[in-house]
Amino acid sequence: MKTFVAVLALAGMALATPALAKTCLESRDITSSNSKDGKLMVFKMRGGQTYVNHLQGSCPDLRFGGFAWVLRSGDTKVCENEQSLRTLQSGQVCVLGKFDPPTMSAPPKGTN
């Protein structure tokens, strides 16, 4: 019986582990970012990956100007569901939501 309980506990931990994993981007590797609708933020990364983030709530001021990350001292990672940013023009605060899995950008034409 003890073995059965231990196996169930280990199985539960294995199933719970992916739910705890969160996507974080290294801010130094972000080459560009933009939001056309104030709901989705698209990040282009060194290496050609593209990440799409579903912002928590609407952040319409992102469409009109730049923003600054609100990072803790010494922290260079931008993580889903915990990172915030402030728009430069209005000061609106926006919070990242969940990231979609990354996609690879097509290589520039003429590089084959």
PDB file of N, CA and C in Angstrom:
ATOM      1  N   MET A   1       0.819  -1.193   0.000  1.00  0.00           N
ATOM      2  CA  MET A   1       0.000   0.000   0.000  1.00  0.00           C
ATOM      3  C   MET A   1       0.865   1.260   0.000  1.00  0.00           C
ATOM      4  N   LYS A   2       1.965   1.253   0.776  1.00  0.00           N
ATOM      5  CA  LYS A   2       2.858   2.415   0.821  1.00  0.00           C
ATOM      6  C   LYS A   2       3.458   2.684  -0.555  1.00  0.00           C
ATOM      7  N   THR A   3       3.822   1.617  -1.261  1.00  0.00           N
ATOM      8  CA  THR A   3       4.399   1.767  -2.596  1.00  0.00           C
ATOM      9  C   THR A   3       3.383   2.394  -3.542  1.00  0.00           C
ATOM     10  N   PHE A   4       2.136   1.953  -3.464  1.00  0.00           N
ATOM     11  CA  PHE A   4       1.079   2.489  -4.323  1.00  0.00           C
ATOM     12  C   PHE A   4       0.885   3.984  -4.076  1.00  0.00           C
ATOM     13  N   VAL A   5       0.876   4.397  -2.819  1.00  0.00           N
ATOM     14  CA  VAL A   5       0.707   5.805  -2.470  1.00  0.00           C
ATOM     15  C   VAL A   5       1.896   6.612  -2.984  1.00  0.00           C
ATOM     16  N   ALA A   6       3.113   6.078  -2.844  1.00  0.00           N
ATOM     17  CA  ALA A   6       4.313   6.768  -3.320  1.00  0.00           C
ATOM     18  C   ALA A   6       4.274   6.933  -4.836  1.00  0.00           C
ATOM     19  N   VAL A   7       3.825   5.910  -5.545  1.00  0.00           N
ATOM     20  CA  VAL A   7       3.725   5.988  -7.007  1.00  0.00           C
ATOM     21  C   VAL A   7       2.699   7.044  -7.402  1.00  0.00           C
ATOM     22  N   LEU A   8       1.566   7.085  -6.714  1.00  0.00           N
ATOM     23  CA  LEU A   8       0.558   8.103  -7.011  1.00  0.00           C
ATOM     24  C   LEU A   8       1.096   9.503  -6.741  1.00  0.00           C
ATOM     25  N   ALA A   9       1.838   9.673  -5.684  1.00  0.00           N
ATOM     26  CA  ALA A   9       2.408  10.985  -5.365  1.00  0.00           C
ATOM     27  C   ALA A   9       3.405  11.407  -6.444  1.00  0.00           C
ATOM     28  N   LEU A  10       4.261  10.507  -6.880  1.00  0.00           N
ATOM     29  CA  LEU A  10       5.228  10.823  -7.938  1.00  0.00           C
ATOM     30  C   LEU A  10       4.514  11.127  -9.251  1.00  0.00           C
ATOM     31  N   ALA A  11       3.489  10.381  -9.569  1.00  0.00           N
ATOM     32  CA  ALA A  11       2.732  10.630 -10.799  1.00  0.00           C
ATOM     33  C   ALA A  11       2.074  11.999 -10.743  1.00  0.00           C
ATOM     34  N   GLY A  12       1.538  12.359  -9.594  1.00  0.00           N
ATOM     35  CA  GLY A  12       0.916  13.669  -9.433  1.00  0.00           C
ATOM     36  C   GLY A  12       1.922  14.789  -9.611  1.00  0.00           C
ATOM     37  N   MET A  13       3.135  14.624  -9.075  1.00  0.00           N
ATOM     38  CA  MET A  13       4.174  15.648  -9.240  1.00  0.00           C
ATOM     39  C   MET A  13       4.578  15.758 -10.701  1.00  0.00           C
ATOM     40  N   ALA A  14       4.685  14.635 -11.397  1.00  0.00           N
ATOM     41  CA  ALA A  14       5.067  14.663 -12.807  1.00  0.00           C
ATOM     42  C   ALA A  14       4.017  15.371 -13.644  1.00  0.00           C
ATOM     43  N   LEU A  15       2.747  15.177 -13.332  1.00  0.00           N
ATOM     44  CA  LEU A  15       1.687  15.838 -14.075  1.00  0.00           C
ATOM     45  C   LEU A  15       1.611  17.322 -13.743  1.00  0.00           C
ATOM     46  N   ALA A  16       1.941  17.688 -12.530  1.00  0.00           N
ATOM     47  CA  ALA A  16       1.843  19.082 -12.110  1.00  0.00           C
ATOM     48  C   ALA A  16       3.019  19.916 -12.597  1.00  0.00           C
ATOM     49  N   THR A  17       4.151  19.316 -12.868  1.00  0.00           N
ATOM     50  CA  THR A  17       5.351  20.064 -13.247  1.00  0.00           C
ATOM     51  C   THR A  17       5.152  20.933 -14.485  1.00  0.00           C
ATOM     52  N   PRO A  18       4.571  20.432 -15.600  1.00  0.00           N
ATOM     53  CA  PRO A  18       4.398  21.313 -16.752  1.00  0.00           C
ATOM     54  C   PRO A  18       3.526  22.526 -16.453  1.00  0.00           C
ATOM     55  N   ALA A  19       2.570  22.397 -15.570  1.00  0.00           N
ATOM     56  CA  ALA A  19       1.705  23.524 -15.243  1.00  0.00           C
ATOM     57  C   ALA A  19       2.491  24.629 -14.535  1.00  0.00           C
ATOM     58  N   LEU A  20       3.566  24.277 -13.852  1.00  0.00           N
ATOM     59  CA  LEU A  20       4.378  25.246 -13.141  1.00  0.00           C
ATOM     60  C   LEU A  20       5.359  25.957 -14.070  1.00  0.00           C
ATOM     61  N   ALA A  21       5.673  25.342 -15.204  1.00  0.00           N
ATOM     62  CA  ALA A  21       6.627  25.936 -16.132  1.00  0.00           C
ATOM     63  C   ALA A  21       6.039  27.207 -16.727  1.00  0.00           C
ATOM     64  N   LYS A  22       6.869  28.247 -16.796  1.00  0.00           N
ATOM     65  CA  LYS A  22       6.413  29.492 -17.405  1.00  0.00           C
ATOM     66  C   LYS A  22       7.437  29.916 -18.440  1.00  0.00           C
ATOM     67  N   THR A  23       6.972  30.638 -19.424  1.00  0.00           N
ATOM     68  CA  THR A  23       7.857  31.119 -20.475  1.00  0.00           C
ATOM     69  C   THR A  23       8.424  32.466 -20.069  1.00  0.00           C
ATOM     70  N   CYS A  24       9.744  32.563 -20.142  1.00  0.00           N
ATOM     71  CA  CYS A  24      10.436  33.819 -19.882  1.00  0.00           C
ATOM     72  C   CYS A  24      11.337  34.113 -21.077  1.00  0.00           C
ATOM     73  N   LEU A  25      11.419  35.370 -21.457  1.00  0.00           N
ATOM     74  CA  LEU A  25      12.300  35.806 -22.541  1.00  0.00           C
ATOM     75  C   LEU A  25      13.439  36.611 -21.943  1.00  0.00           C
ATOM     76  N   GLU A  26      14.618  36.441 -22.488  1.00  0.00           N
ATOM     77  CA  GLU A  26      15.751  37.258 -22.084  1.00  0.00           C
ATOM     78  C   GLU A  26      15.601  38.605 -22.790  1.00  0.00           C
ATOM     79  N   SER A  27      15.481  39.681 -22.018  1.00  0.00           N
ATOM     80  CA  SER A  27      15.204  40.998 -22.610  1.00  0.00           C
ATOM     81  C   SER A  27      16.290  41.425 -23.605  1.00  0.00           C
ATOM     82  N   ARG A  28      17.511  40.989 -23.388  1.00  0.00           N
ATOM     83  CA  ARG A  28      18.609  41.336 -24.315  1.00  0.00           C
ATOM     84  C   ARG A  28      18.429  40.711 -25.690  1.00  0.00           C
ATOM     85  N   ASP A  29      17.669  39.612 -25.756  1.00  0.00           N
ATOM     86  CA  ASP A  29      17.488  38.899 -27.018  1.00  0.00           C
ATOM     87  C   ASP A  29      16.269  39.359 -27.805  1.00  0.00           C
ATOM     88  N   ILE A  30      15.494  40.287 -27.257  1.00  0.00           N
ATOM     89  CA  ILE A  30      14.336  40.825 -27.980  1.00  0.00           C
ATOM     90  C   ILE A  30      14.847  41.880 -28.952  1.00  0.00           C
ATOM     91  N   THR A  31      14.632  41.640 -30.253  1.00  0.00           N
ATOM     92  CA  THR A  31      15.093  42.600 -31.266  1.00  0.00           C
ATOM     93  C   THR A  31      14.020  43.612 -31.624  1.00  0.00           C
ATOM     94  N   SER A  32      12.744  43.235 -31.482  1.00  0.00           N
ATOM     95  CA  SER A  32      11.659  44.181 -31.729  1.00  0.00           C
ATOM     96  C   SER A  32      10.394  43.675 -31.055  1.00  0.00           C
ATOM     97  N   SER A  33       9.485  44.602 -30.819  1.00  0.00           N
ATOM     98  CA  SER A  33       8.191  44.248 -30.242  1.00  0.00           C
ATOM     99  C   SER A  33       7.167  45.234 -30.765  1.00  0.00           C
ATOM    100  N   ASN A  34       5.937  44.755 -30.910  1.00  0.00           N
ATOM    101  CA  ASN A  34       4.873  45.658 -31.339  1.00  0.00           C
ATOM    102  C   ASN A  34       3.514  45.066 -31.016  1.00  0.00           C
ATOM    103  N   SER A  35       2.560  45.976 -30.877  1.00  0.00           N
ATOM    104  CA  SER A  35       1.175  45.582 -30.631  1.00  0.00           C
ATOM    105  C   SER A  35       0.288  46.426 -31.533  1.00  0.00           C
ATOM    106  N   LYS A  36      -0.431  45.762 -32.421  1.00  0.00           N
ATOM    107  CA  LYS A  36      -1.312  46.482 -33.347  1.00  0.00           C
ATOM    108  C   LYS A  36      -2.692  46.735 -32.771  1.00  0.00           C
ATOM    109  N   ASP A  37      -3.077  45.929 -31.752  1.00  0.00           N
ATOM    110  CA  ASP A  37      -4.437  46.064 -31.219  1.00  0.00           C
ATOM    111  C   ASP A  37      -4.499  46.310 -29.713  1.00  0.00           C
ATOM    112  N   GLY A  38      -3.355  46.345 -29.036  1.00  0.00           N
ATOM    113  CA  GLY A  38      -3.349  46.553 -27.598  1.00  0.00           C
ATOM    114  C   GLY A  38      -3.765  45.331 -26.797  1.00  0.00           C
ATOM    115  N   LYS A  39      -3.951  44.196 -27.468  1.00  0.00           N
ATOM    116  CA  LYS A  39      -4.329  42.956 -26.791  1.00  0.00           C
ATOM    117  C   LYS A  39      -3.271  41.874 -26.959  1.00  0.00           C
ATOM    118  N   LEU A  40      -2.594  41.888 -28.107  1.00  0.00           N
ATOM    119  CA  LEU A  40      -1.510  40.948 -28.395  1.00  0.00           C
ATOM    120  C   LEU A  40      -0.217  41.732 -28.558  1.00  0.00           C
ATOM    121  N   MET A  41       0.869  41.179 -28.030  1.00  0.00           N
ATOM    122  CA  MET A  41       2.189  41.794 -28.175  1.00  0.00           C
ATOM    123  C   MET A  41       3.068  40.768 -28.871  1.00  0.00           C
ATOM    124  N   VAL A  42       3.713  41.173 -29.965  1.00  0.00           N
ATOM    125  CA  VAL A  42       4.555  40.282 -30.747  1.00  0.00           C
ATOM    126  C   VAL A  42       6.015  40.639 -30.486  1.00  0.00           C
ATOM    127  N   PHE A  43       6.798  39.637 -30.091  1.00  0.00           N
ATOM    128  CA  PHE A  43       8.218  39.813 -29.809  1.00  0.00           C
ATOM    129  C   PHE A  43       9.037  39.042 -30.837  1.00  0.00           C
ATOM    130  N   LYS A  44       9.932  39.722 -31.523  1.00  0.00           N
ATOM    131  CA  LYS A  44      10.885  39.083 -32.445  1.00  0.00           C
ATOM    132  C   LYS A  44      12.190  38.941 -31.679  1.00  0.00           C
ATOM    133  N   MET A  45      12.796  37.762 -31.791  1.00  0.00           N
ATOM    134  CA  MET A  45      13.980  37.437 -31.011  1.00  0.00           C
ATOM    135  C   MET A  45      15.193  37.201 -31.909  1.00  0.00           C
ATOM    136  N   ARG A  46      16.368  37.385 -31.321  1.00  0.00           N
ATOM    137  CA  ARG A  46      17.584  36.942 -32.012  1.00  0.00           C
ATOM    138  C   ARG A  46      17.421  35.462 -32.268  1.00  0.00           C
ATOM    139  N   GLY A  47      17.887  35.001 -33.397  1.00  0.00           N
ATOM    140  CA  GLY A  47      17.747  33.593 -33.733  1.00  0.00           C
ATOM    141  C   GLY A  47      16.501  33.315 -34.555  1.00  0.00           C
ATOM    142  N   GLY A  48      15.644  34.336 -34.758  1.00  0.00           N
ATOM    143  CA  GLY A  48      14.513  34.178 -35.651  1.00  0.00           C
ATOM    144  C   GLY A  48      13.207  33.732 -35.016  1.00  0.00           C
ATOM    145  N   GLN A  49      13.159  33.513 -33.719  1.00  0.00           N
ATOM    146  CA  GLN A  49      11.910  33.103 -33.098  1.00  0.00           C
ATOM    147  C   GLN A  49      10.989  34.302 -32.903  1.00  0.00           C
ATOM    148  N   THR A  50       9.696  34.028 -32.965  1.00  0.00           N
ATOM    149  CA  THR A  50       8.673  35.033 -32.696  1.00  0.00           C
ATOM    150  C   THR A  50       7.767  34.510 -31.589  1.00  0.00           C
ATOM    151  N   TYR A  51       7.547  35.336 -30.576  1.00  0.00           N
ATOM    152  CA  TYR A  51       6.649  34.997 -29.471  1.00  0.00           C
ATOM    153  C   TYR A  51       5.474  35.965 -29.493  1.00  0.00           C
ATOM    154  N   VAL A  52       4.274  35.442 -29.298  1.00  0.00           N
ATOM    155  CA  VAL A  52       3.074  36.262 -29.188  1.00  0.00           C
ATOM    156  C   VAL A  52       2.560  36.145 -27.764  1.00  0.00           C
ATOM    157  N   ASN A  53       2.328  37.297 -27.132  1.00  0.00           N
ATOM    158  CA  ASN A  53       1.814  37.318 -25.768  1.00  0.00           C
ATOM    159  C   ASN A  53       0.401  37.880 -25.762  1.00  0.00           C
ATOM    160  N   HIS A  54      -0.476  37.225 -25.011  1.00  0.00           N
ATOM    161  CA  HIS A  54      -1.857  37.668 -24.832  1.00  0.00           C
ATOM    162  C   HIS A  54      -1.886  38.511 -23.568  1.00  0.00           C
ATOM    163  N   LEU A  55      -1.866  39.824 -23.728  1.00  0.00           N
ATOM    164  CA  LEU A  55      -1.815  40.737 -22.592  1.00  0.00           C
ATOM    165  C   LEU A  55      -3.007  40.531 -21.671  1.00  0.00           C
ATOM    166  N   GLN A  56      -2.794  40.755 -20.382  1.00  0.00           N
ATOM    167  CA  GLN A  56      -3.885  40.689 -19.410  1.00  0.00           C
ATOM    168  C   GLN A  56      -4.671  41.988 -19.533  1.00  0.00           C
ATOM    169  N   GLY A  57      -5.833  41.921 -20.101  1.00  0.00           N
ATOM    170  CA  GLY A  57      -6.628  43.122 -20.322  1.00  0.00           C
ATOM    171  C   GLY A  57      -6.171  43.866 -21.562  1.00  0.00           C
ATOM    172  N   SER A  58      -6.877  44.904 -21.879  1.00  0.00           N
ATOM    173  CA  SER A  58      -6.573  45.714 -23.054  1.00  0.00           C
ATOM    174  C   SER A  58      -5.587  46.815 -22.683  1.00  0.00           C
ATOM    175  N   CYS A  59      -4.659  47.076 -23.582  1.00  0.00           N
ATOM    176  CA  CYS A  59      -3.633  48.098 -23.356  1.00  0.00           C
ATOM    177  C   CYS A  59      -3.497  48.919 -24.643  1.00  0.00           C
ATOM    178  N   PRO A  60      -4.537  49.699 -24.982  1.00  0.00           N
ATOM    179  CA  PRO A  60      -4.581  50.372 -26.280  1.00  0.00           C
ATOM    180  C   PRO A  60      -3.457  51.371 -26.527  1.00  0.00           C
ATOM    181  N   ASP A  61      -2.862  51.941 -25.495  1.00  0.00           N
ATOM    182  CA  ASP A  61      -1.814  52.934 -25.702  1.00  0.00           C
ATOM    183  C   ASP A  61      -0.534  52.336 -26.289  1.00  0.00           C
ATOM    184  N   LEU A  62      -0.399  51.011 -26.274  1.00  0.00           N
ATOM    185  CA  LEU A  62       0.764  50.368 -26.898  1.00  0.00           C
ATOM    186  C   LEU A  62       0.799  50.609 -28.405  1.00  0.00           C
ATOM    187  N   ARG A  63      -0.342  50.861 -28.995  1.00  0.00           N
ATOM    188  CA  ARG A  63      -0.416  51.062 -30.449  1.00  0.00           C
ATOM    189  C   ARG A  63       0.205  52.383 -30.873  1.00  0.00           C
ATOM    190  N   PHE A  64       0.322  53.330 -29.963  1.00  0.00           N
ATOM    191  CA  PHE A  64       0.697  54.687 -30.343  1.00  0.00           C
ATOM    192  C   PHE A  64       2.126  55.088 -30.011  1.00  0.00           C
ATOM    193  N   GLY A  65       2.839  54.283 -29.288  1.00  0.00           N
ATOM    194  CA  GLY A  65       4.190  54.693 -28.926  1.00  0.00           C
ATOM    195  C   GLY A  65       4.949  53.580 -28.249  1.00  0.00           C
ATOM    196  N   GLY A  66       6.094  53.920 -27.734  1.00  0.00           N
ATOM    197  CA  GLY A  66       6.952  52.937 -27.100  1.00  0.00           C
ATOM    198  C   GLY A  66       6.560  52.640 -25.666  1.00  0.00           C
ATOM    199  N   PHE A  67       7.377  51.801 -25.033  1.00  0.00           N
ATOM    200  CA  PHE A  67       7.123  51.418 -23.652  1.00  0.00           C
ATOM    201  C   PHE A  67       8.452  51.139 -22.965  1.00  0.00           C
ATOM    202  N   ALA A  68       8.414  51.079 -21.664  1.00  0.00           N
ATOM    203  CA  ALA A  68       9.575  50.711 -20.852  1.00  0.00           C
ATOM    204  C   ALA A  68       9.179  49.547 -19.949  1.00  0.00           C
ATOM    205  N   TRP A  69      10.054  48.546 -19.855  1.00  0.00           N
ATOM    206  CA  TRP A  69       9.803  47.429 -18.965  1.00  0.00           C
ATOM    207  C   TRP A  69       9.916  47.892 -17.524  1.00  0.00           C
ATOM    208  N   VAL A  70       9.146  47.269 -16.669  1.00  0.00           N
ATOM    209  CA  VAL A  70       9.280  47.472 -15.231  1.00  0.00           C
ATOM    210  C   VAL A  70       9.951  46.203 -14.715  1.00  0.00           C
ATOM    211  N   LEU A  71      11.297  46.249 -14.633  1.00  0.00           N
ATOM    212  CA  LEU A  71      12.085  45.082 -14.223  1.00  0.00           C
ATOM    213  C   LEU A  71      12.652  45.303 -12.830  1.00  0.00           C
ATOM    214  N   ARG A  72      12.741  44.222 -12.072  1.00  0.00           N
ATOM    215  CA  ARG A  72      13.392  44.302 -10.769  1.00  0.00           C
ATOM    216  C   ARG A  72      14.885  44.522 -10.977  1.00  0.00           C
ATOM    217  N   SER A  73      15.513  45.146 -10.043  1.00  0.00           N
ATOM    218  CA  SER A  73      16.936  45.447 -10.127  1.00  0.00           C
ATOM    219  C   SER A  73      17.751  44.189 -10.431  1.00  0.00           C
ATOM    220  N   GLY A  74      18.533  44.238 -11.487  1.00  0.00           N
ATOM    221  CA  GLY A  74      19.387  43.121 -11.868  1.00  0.00           C
ATOM    222  C   GLY A  74      18.688  42.035 -12.658  1.00  0.00           C
ATOM    223  N   ASP A  75      17.378  42.086 -12.784  1.00  0.00           N
ATOM    224  CA  ASP A  75      16.635  41.058 -13.512  1.00  0.00           C
ATOM    225  C   ASP A  75      16.561  41.443 -14.978  1.00  0.00           C
ATOM    226  N   THR A  76      16.860  40.505 -15.857  1.00  0.00           N
ATOM    227  CA  THR A  76      16.814  40.780 -17.295  1.00  0.00           C
ATOM    228  C   THR A  76      15.799  39.893 -18.008  1.00  0.00           C
ATOM    229  N   LYS A  77      15.042  39.106 -17.262  1.00  0.00           N
ATOM    230  CA  LYS A  77      14.059  38.210 -17.865  1.00  0.00           C
ATOM    231  C   LYS A  77      12.672  38.843 -17.851  1.00  0.00           C
ATOM    232  N   VAL A  78      11.940  38.571 -18.920  1.00  0.00           N
ATOM    233  CA  VAL A  78      10.566  39.033 -19.084  1.00  0.00           C
ATOM    234  C   VAL A  78       9.700  37.772 -19.077  1.00  0.00           C
ATOM    235  N   CYS A  79       8.896  37.592 -18.038  1.00  0.00           N
ATOM    236  CA  CYS A  79       8.140  36.348 -17.851  1.00  0.00           C
ATOM    237  C   CYS A  79       6.640  36.565 -17.984  1.00  0.00           C
ATOM    238  N   GLU A  80       5.979  35.552 -18.553  1.00  0.00           N
ATOM    239  CA  GLU A  80       4.534  35.613 -18.721  1.00  0.00           C
ATOM    240  C   GLU A  80       3.837  35.673 -17.368  1.00  0.00           C
ATOM    241  N   ASN A  81       2.711  36.359 -17.363  1.00  0.00           N
ATOM    242  CA  ASN A  81       1.838  36.483 -16.194  1.00  0.00           C
ATOM    243  C   ASN A  81       2.467  37.167 -14.989  1.00  0.00           C
ATOM    244  N   GLU A  82       3.621  37.814 -15.169  1.00  0.00           N
ATOM    245  CA  GLU A  82       4.189  38.526 -14.023  1.00  0.00           C
ATOM    246  C   GLU A  82       4.895  39.816 -14.407  1.00  0.00           C
ATOM    247  N   GLN A  83       5.239  39.998 -15.651  1.00  0.00           N
ATOM    248  CA  GLN A  83       5.984  41.190 -16.058  1.00  0.00           C
ATOM    249  C   GLN A  83       5.047  42.316 -16.456  1.00  0.00           C
ATOM    250  N   SER A  84       5.397  43.526 -16.080  1.00  0.00           N
ATOM    251  CA  SER A  84       4.602  44.676 -16.500  1.00  0.00           C
ATOM    252  C   SER A  84       5.465  45.648 -17.278  1.00  0.00           C
ATOM    253  N   LEU A  85       4.793  46.499 -18.020  1.00  0.00           N
ATOM    254  CA  LEU A  85       5.468  47.534 -18.797  1.00  0.00           C
ATOM    255  C   LEU A  85       4.644  48.802 -18.705  1.00  0.00           C
ATOM    256  N   ARG A  86       5.290  49.927 -18.951  1.00  0.00           N
ATOM    257  CA  ARG A  86       4.610  51.223 -18.864  1.00  0.00           C
ATOM    258  C   ARG A  86       4.785  51.935 -20.199  1.00  0.00           C
ATOM    259  N   THR A  87       3.654  52.384 -20.782  1.00  0.00           N
ATOM    260  CA  THR A  87       3.734  53.107 -22.052  1.00  0.00           C
ATOM    261  C   THR A  87       4.382  54.467 -21.812  1.00  0.00           C
ATOM    262  N   LEU A  88       5.163  54.924 -22.800  1.00  0.00           N
ATOM    263  CA  LEU A  88       5.928  56.159 -22.630  1.00  0.00           C
ATOM    264  C   LEU A  88       5.063  57.413 -22.685  1.00  0.00           C
ATOM    265  N   GLN A  89       4.072  57.424 -23.567  1.00  0.00           N
ATOM    266  CA  GLN A  89       3.256  58.631 -23.729  1.00  0.00           C
ATOM    267  C   GLN A  89       2.288  58.858 -22.579  1.00  0.00           C
ATOM    268  N   SER A  90       1.484  57.858 -22.252  1.00  0.00           N
ATOM    269  CA  SER A  90       0.428  58.059 -21.260  1.00  0.00           C
ATOM    270  C   SER A  90       0.768  57.504 -19.878  1.00  0.00           C
ATOM    271  N   GLY A  91       1.748  56.611 -19.809  1.00  0.00           N
ATOM    272  CA  GLY A  91       2.074  55.985 -18.540  1.00  0.00           C
ATOM    273  C   GLY A  91       1.189  54.801 -18.195  1.00  0.00           C
ATOM    274  N   GLN A  92       0.356  54.367 -19.155  1.00  0.00           N
ATOM    275  CA  GLN A  92      -0.519  53.216 -18.921  1.00  0.00           C
ATOM    276  C   GLN A  92       0.336  51.998 -18.576  1.00  0.00           C
ATOM    277  N   VAL A  93      -0.073  51.237 -17.567  1.00  0.00           N
ATOM    278  CA  VAL A  93       0.637  50.025 -17.159  1.00  0.00           C
ATOM    279  C   VAL A  93      -0.069  48.815 -17.768  1.00  0.00           C
ATOM    280  N   CYS A  94       0.701  47.960 -18.399  1.00  0.00           N
ATOM    281  CA  CYS A  94       0.190  46.760 -19.046  1.00  0.00           C
ATOM    282  C   CYS A  94       0.923  45.559 -18.456  1.00  0.00           C
ATOM    283  N   VAL A  95       0.226  44.426 -18.344  1.00  0.00           N
ATOM    284  CA  VAL A  95       0.818  43.219 -17.770  1.00  0.00           C
ATOM    285  C   VAL A  95       0.763  42.104 -18.800  1.00  0.00           C
ATOM    286  N   LEU A  96       1.904  41.401 -18.941  1.00  0.00           N
ATOM    287  CA  LEU A  96       1.945  40.274 -19.864  1.00  0.00           C
ATOM    288  C   LEU A  96       1.035  39.163 -19.371  1.00  0.00           C
ATOM    289  N   GLY A  97       0.441  38.460 -20.329  1.00  0.00           N
ATOM    290  CA  GLY A  97      -0.343  37.269 -20.047  1.00  0.00           C
ATOM    291  C   GLY A  97       0.442  36.053 -20.499  1.00  0.00           C
ATOM    292  N   LYS A  98      -0.247  35.113 -21.064  1.00  0.00           N
ATOM    293  CA  LYS A  98       0.342  33.847 -21.512  1.00  0.00           C
ATOM    294  C   LYS A  98       0.987  34.006 -22.888  1.00  0.00           C
ATOM    295  N   PHE A  99       2.162  33.387 -23.066  1.00  0.00           N
ATOM    296  CA  PHE A  99       2.827  33.337 -24.371  1.00  0.00           C
ATOM    297  C   PHE A  99       2.316  32.144 -25.166  1.00  0.00           C
ATOM    298  N   ASP A 100       2.148  32.322 -26.475  1.00  0.00           N
ATOM    299  CA  ASP A 100       1.935  31.199 -27.376  1.00  0.00           C
ATOM    300  C   ASP A 100       3.285  30.515 -27.571  1.00  0.00           C
ATOM    301  N   PRO A 101       3.299  29.238 -27.991  1.00  0.00           N
ATOM    302  CA  PRO A 101       4.574  28.600 -28.313  1.00  0.00           C
ATOM    303  C   PRO A 101       5.290  29.409 -29.404  1.00  0.00           C
ATOM    304  N   PRO A 102       6.626  29.450 -29.367  1.00  0.00           N
ATOM    305  CA  PRO A 102       7.361  30.252 -30.348  1.00  0.00           C
ATOM    306  C   PRO A 102       7.221  29.690 -31.763  1.00  0.00           C
ATOM    307  N   THR A 103       7.316  30.582 -32.725  1.00  0.00           N
ATOM    308  CA  THR A 103       7.365  30.197 -34.132  1.00  0.00           C
ATOM    309  C   THR A 103       8.678  30.723 -34.706  1.00  0.00           C
ATOM    310  N   MET A 104       9.097  30.144 -35.794  1.00  0.00           N
ATOM    311  CA  MET A 104      10.326  30.598 -36.447  1.00  0.00           C
ATOM    312  C   MET A 104       9.958  31.503 -37.591  1.00  0.00           C
ATOM    313  N   SER A 105      10.636  32.641 -37.680  1.00  0.00           N
ATOM    314  CA  SER A 105      10.429  33.569 -38.783  1.00  0.00           C
ATOM    315  C   SER A 105      11.074  33.011 -40.033  1.00  0.00           C
ATOM    316  N   ALA A 106      10.518  33.339 -41.168  1.00  0.00           N
ATOM    317  CA  ALA A 106      11.095  32.927 -42.432  1.00  0.00           C
ATOM    318  C   ALA A 106      12.414  33.681 -42.623  1.00  0.00           C
ATOM    319  N   PRO A 107      13.436  33.009 -43.187  1.00  0.00           N
ATOM    320  CA  PRO A 107      14.698  33.701 -43.424  1.00  0.00           C
ATOM    321  C   PRO A 107      14.516  34.772 -44.506  1.00  0.00           C
ATOM    322  N   PRO A 108      15.287  35.859 -44.441  1.00  0.00           N
ATOM    323  CA  PRO A 108      15.177  36.892 -45.475  1.00  0.00           C
ATOM    324  C   PRO A 108      15.431  36.309 -46.857  1.00  0.00           C
ATOM    325  N   LYS A 109      14.747  36.885 -47.850  1.00  0.00           N
ATOM    326  CA  LYS A 109      14.925  36.414 -49.232  1.00  0.00           C
ATOM    327  C   LYS A 109      16.362  36.631 -49.673  1.00  0.00           C
ATOM    328  N   GLY A 110      16.861  35.672 -50.444  1.00  0.00           N
ATOM    329  CA  GLY A 110      18.225  35.779 -50.986  1.00  0.00           C
ATOM    330  C   GLY A 110      19.294  35.239 -50.060  1.00  0.00           C
ATOM    331  N   THR A 111      18.911  34.573 -48.965  1.00  0.00           N
ATOM    332  CA  THR A 111      19.927  34.031 -48.053  1.00  0.00           C
ATOM    333  C   THR A 111      20.080  32.526 -48.184  1.00  0.00           C
ATOM    334  N   ASN A 112      19.448  31.930 -49.210  1.00  0.00           N
ATOM    335  CA  ASN A 112      19.547  30.473 -49.407  1.00  0.00           C
ATOM    336  C   ASN A 112      20.850  30.098 -49.984  1.00  0.00           C
TER     337      ASN A 112
END
